Protein backbone atom coordinates (compact mmCIF):
# COMPACT_ATOMS: atom_id res chain seq x y z
CA UNK A 1 48.26 -12.95 26.10
CA UNK A 2 47.44 -16.30 24.72
CA UNK A 3 48.17 -17.51 21.23
CA UNK A 4 44.99 -17.81 19.24
CA UNK A 5 45.51 -20.95 17.20
CA UNK A 6 42.78 -20.31 14.64
CA UNK A 7 44.14 -16.93 13.51
CA UNK A 8 47.81 -17.54 14.37
CA UNK A 9 47.75 -14.26 16.29
CA UNK A 10 48.72 -13.14 19.71
CA UNK A 11 45.76 -11.79 21.64
CA UNK A 12 45.20 -8.14 20.75
CA UNK A 13 47.60 -8.26 17.80
CA UNK A 14 47.62 -8.66 14.04
CA UNK A 15 48.43 -12.06 12.53
CA UNK A 16 51.99 -13.19 13.08
CA UNK A 17 54.33 -13.22 10.09
CA UNK A 18 54.73 -16.80 8.81
CA UNK A 19 58.53 -16.92 9.14
CA UNK A 20 58.24 -16.60 12.89
CA UNK A 21 55.77 -19.46 13.05
CA UNK A 22 58.21 -21.68 11.16
CA UNK A 23 60.70 -21.22 14.03
CA UNK A 24 58.41 -23.37 16.17
CA UNK A 25 58.56 -21.00 19.14
CA UNK A 26 56.20 -21.53 22.06
CA UNK A 27 53.49 -18.90 22.59
CA UNK A 28 55.40 -17.19 25.42
CA UNK A 29 58.49 -16.81 23.23
CA UNK A 30 56.38 -15.41 20.38
CA UNK A 31 54.94 -12.85 22.79
CA UNK A 32 58.44 -11.91 23.97
CA UNK A 33 59.82 -11.47 20.45
CA UNK A 34 56.74 -9.45 19.56
CA UNK A 35 57.28 -7.20 22.58
CA UNK A 36 60.94 -6.74 21.60
CA UNK A 37 59.98 -5.92 18.00
CA UNK A 38 57.28 -3.43 18.94
CA UNK A 39 59.42 -1.61 21.48
CA UNK A 40 62.86 -1.76 19.88
CA UNK A 41 62.40 -2.66 16.23
CA UNK A 42 63.61 -5.58 14.13
CA UNK A 43 67.18 -5.28 15.41
CA UNK A 44 65.98 -5.70 18.99
CA UNK A 45 63.78 -8.67 18.05
CA UNK A 46 66.70 -10.30 16.22
CA UNK A 47 68.97 -9.72 19.23
CA UNK A 48 66.33 -11.28 21.51
CA UNK A 49 66.11 -14.39 19.31
CA UNK A 50 69.92 -14.74 19.30
CA UNK A 51 70.17 -14.15 23.06
CA UNK A 52 67.52 -16.79 23.70
CA UNK A 53 69.41 -19.13 21.34
CA UNK A 54 66.41 -19.35 19.04
CA UNK A 55 68.68 -18.24 16.17
CA UNK A 56 72.40 -18.53 15.57
CA UNK A 57 74.29 -15.24 15.57
CA UNK A 58 74.85 -14.84 11.83
CA UNK A 59 76.90 -11.85 10.69
CA UNK A 60 75.02 -11.62 7.37
CA UNK A 61 71.65 -11.60 9.11
CA UNK A 62 72.95 -9.01 11.57
CA UNK A 63 74.06 -6.83 8.65
CA UNK A 64 70.67 -7.33 6.93
CA UNK A 65 68.71 -6.26 9.98
CA UNK A 66 70.59 -2.92 10.22
CA UNK A 67 68.94 -1.19 7.22
CA UNK A 68 65.57 -2.67 8.21
CA UNK A 69 66.03 -1.16 11.65
CA UNK A 70 66.87 2.21 10.06
CA UNK A 71 63.63 1.98 8.06
CA UNK A 72 61.71 1.10 11.22
CA UNK A 73 63.16 4.12 13.03
CA UNK A 74 62.24 6.37 10.10
CA UNK A 75 58.66 5.09 10.12
CA UNK A 76 58.41 5.64 13.87
CA UNK A 77 59.83 9.17 13.53
CA UNK A 78 57.30 9.93 10.80
CA UNK A 79 54.47 8.60 12.97
CA UNK A 80 55.47 11.15 15.60
CA UNK A 81 55.30 14.16 13.25
CA UNK A 82 52.19 13.13 11.28
CA UNK A 83 49.69 14.36 13.91
CA UNK A 84 51.14 17.91 13.88
CA UNK A 85 51.19 17.84 10.06
CA UNK A 86 47.54 16.76 10.14
CA UNK A 87 46.66 19.74 12.35
CA UNK A 88 48.54 22.06 9.95
CA UNK A 89 46.61 20.57 7.03
CA UNK A 90 43.27 21.17 8.76
CA UNK A 91 44.26 24.80 9.49
CA UNK A 92 45.36 25.21 5.86
CA UNK A 93 42.05 23.80 4.58
CA UNK A 94 40.10 26.17 6.86
CA UNK A 95 42.18 29.13 5.66
CA UNK A 96 41.64 28.13 2.01
CA UNK A 97 37.88 27.77 2.55
CA UNK A 98 37.79 31.23 4.12
CA UNK A 99 39.79 32.76 1.25
CA UNK A 100 37.51 31.07 -1.29
CA UNK A 101 34.43 32.44 0.49
CA UNK A 102 35.90 35.97 0.58
CA UNK A 103 36.83 35.73 -3.10
CA UNK A 104 33.34 34.54 -4.01
CA UNK A 105 31.78 37.37 -2.00
CA UNK A 106 33.91 39.96 -3.86
CA UNK A 107 32.92 38.35 -7.18
CA UNK A 108 29.27 38.45 -6.18
CA UNK A 109 29.56 42.16 -5.28
CA UNK A 110 31.19 42.90 -8.65
CA UNK A 111 28.40 41.12 -10.47
CA UNK A 112 25.76 42.96 -8.44
CA UNK A 113 27.42 46.29 -9.23
CA UNK A 114 27.48 45.47 -12.96
CA UNK A 115 23.84 44.41 -12.86
CA UNK A 116 22.85 47.72 -11.21
CA UNK A 117 24.80 49.67 -13.81
CA UNK A 118 22.99 47.84 -16.61
CA UNK A 119 19.60 48.43 -14.97
CA UNK A 120 20.23 52.18 -14.77
CA UNK A 121 20.88 52.18 -18.49
CA UNK A 122 23.50 54.79 -17.94
CA UNK A 123 26.63 54.95 -20.02
CA UNK A 124 28.46 56.86 -17.38
CA UNK A 125 30.62 54.87 -15.05
CA UNK A 126 29.53 54.71 -11.43
CA UNK A 127 32.02 55.57 -8.77
CA UNK A 128 32.91 52.14 -7.46
CA UNK A 129 35.57 50.95 -5.07
CA UNK A 130 38.54 49.60 -7.07
CA UNK A 131 38.49 46.32 -5.10
CA UNK A 132 34.93 45.67 -6.26
CA UNK A 133 35.55 46.46 -9.93
CA UNK A 134 38.88 44.69 -10.35
CA UNK A 135 38.78 41.08 -11.54
CA UNK A 136 41.17 39.23 -9.31
CA UNK A 137 42.54 35.72 -9.33
CA UNK A 138 42.04 33.44 -6.36
CA UNK A 139 45.43 32.98 -4.71
CA UNK A 140 45.72 30.26 -2.08
CA UNK A 141 48.69 29.51 0.16
CA UNK A 142 50.75 26.38 -0.44
CA UNK A 143 49.76 23.30 1.53
CA UNK A 144 52.15 22.27 4.29
CA UNK A 145 54.54 19.66 2.91
CA UNK A 146 53.90 16.11 4.08
CA UNK A 147 56.75 14.71 6.17
CA UNK A 148 58.95 12.29 4.27
CA UNK A 149 60.64 9.17 5.52
CA UNK A 150 64.24 9.85 6.50
CA UNK A 151 65.40 6.41 5.32
CA UNK A 152 65.31 5.55 1.62
CA UNK A 153 64.33 1.91 2.15
CA UNK A 154 66.39 -1.16 1.51
CA UNK A 155 66.58 -4.24 -0.66
CA UNK A 156 67.49 -7.66 0.69
CA UNK A 157 69.01 -10.35 -1.48
CA UNK A 158 70.98 -13.46 -0.83
CA UNK A 159 71.09 -17.19 -1.13
CA UNK A 160 68.07 -19.34 -0.46
CA UNK A 161 67.68 -20.14 3.23
CA UNK A 162 69.79 -17.24 4.56
CA UNK A 163 66.95 -15.64 6.55
CA UNK A 164 65.67 -12.86 4.27
CA UNK A 165 62.05 -13.75 4.94
CA UNK A 166 62.68 -13.98 8.66
CA UNK A 167 64.30 -10.50 8.65
CA UNK A 168 61.31 -9.11 6.78
CA UNK A 169 58.96 -10.87 9.18
CA UNK A 170 60.75 -9.21 12.11
CA UNK A 171 60.39 -5.88 10.31
CA UNK A 172 56.67 -6.49 9.69
CA UNK A 173 56.19 -7.54 13.31
CA UNK A 174 57.84 -4.35 14.52
CA UNK A 175 55.37 -2.22 12.56
CA UNK A 176 52.19 -3.97 13.67
CA UNK A 177 49.65 -1.99 15.60
CA UNK A 178 47.75 -3.76 18.37
CA UNK A 179 44.16 -4.61 17.43
CA UNK A 180 41.41 -4.13 19.90
């Protein structure tokens, strides 16, 4: 992968967060921190930067990256269950369409029966199946609930220059999907 200077991106990736660019890392180091972030989350990317002595090991930054890492893990866990939820939603939509069609067909039969009764001009009631005569509401099953994130999120605050933007950039980097 080569750093594309014009877009400030790594090849096959989304644009790099600006805080990482301010570190002045060479392209190979940016690729390594990106790999660490994508595979292990912001905590792993932070650990890589500290291990490579690109950042000082700061206890406040380490404590800030923990809740971001929990959020990253929650997003990854949700990404794993979303496809099965999507399949359940499609099955639910098919079932609802079928129930709507059956309901409409019963309504159409009731209307046809009433029309025939009126055409006969008879006051006597025709023997009709109770299901056809009865007006019934359309009852659909509940949709499958969408999976929720297991982490509530987090809020970073602190003094100017403490690394909040860098921590958020590591978080953003860890959530990027390769382009291409």
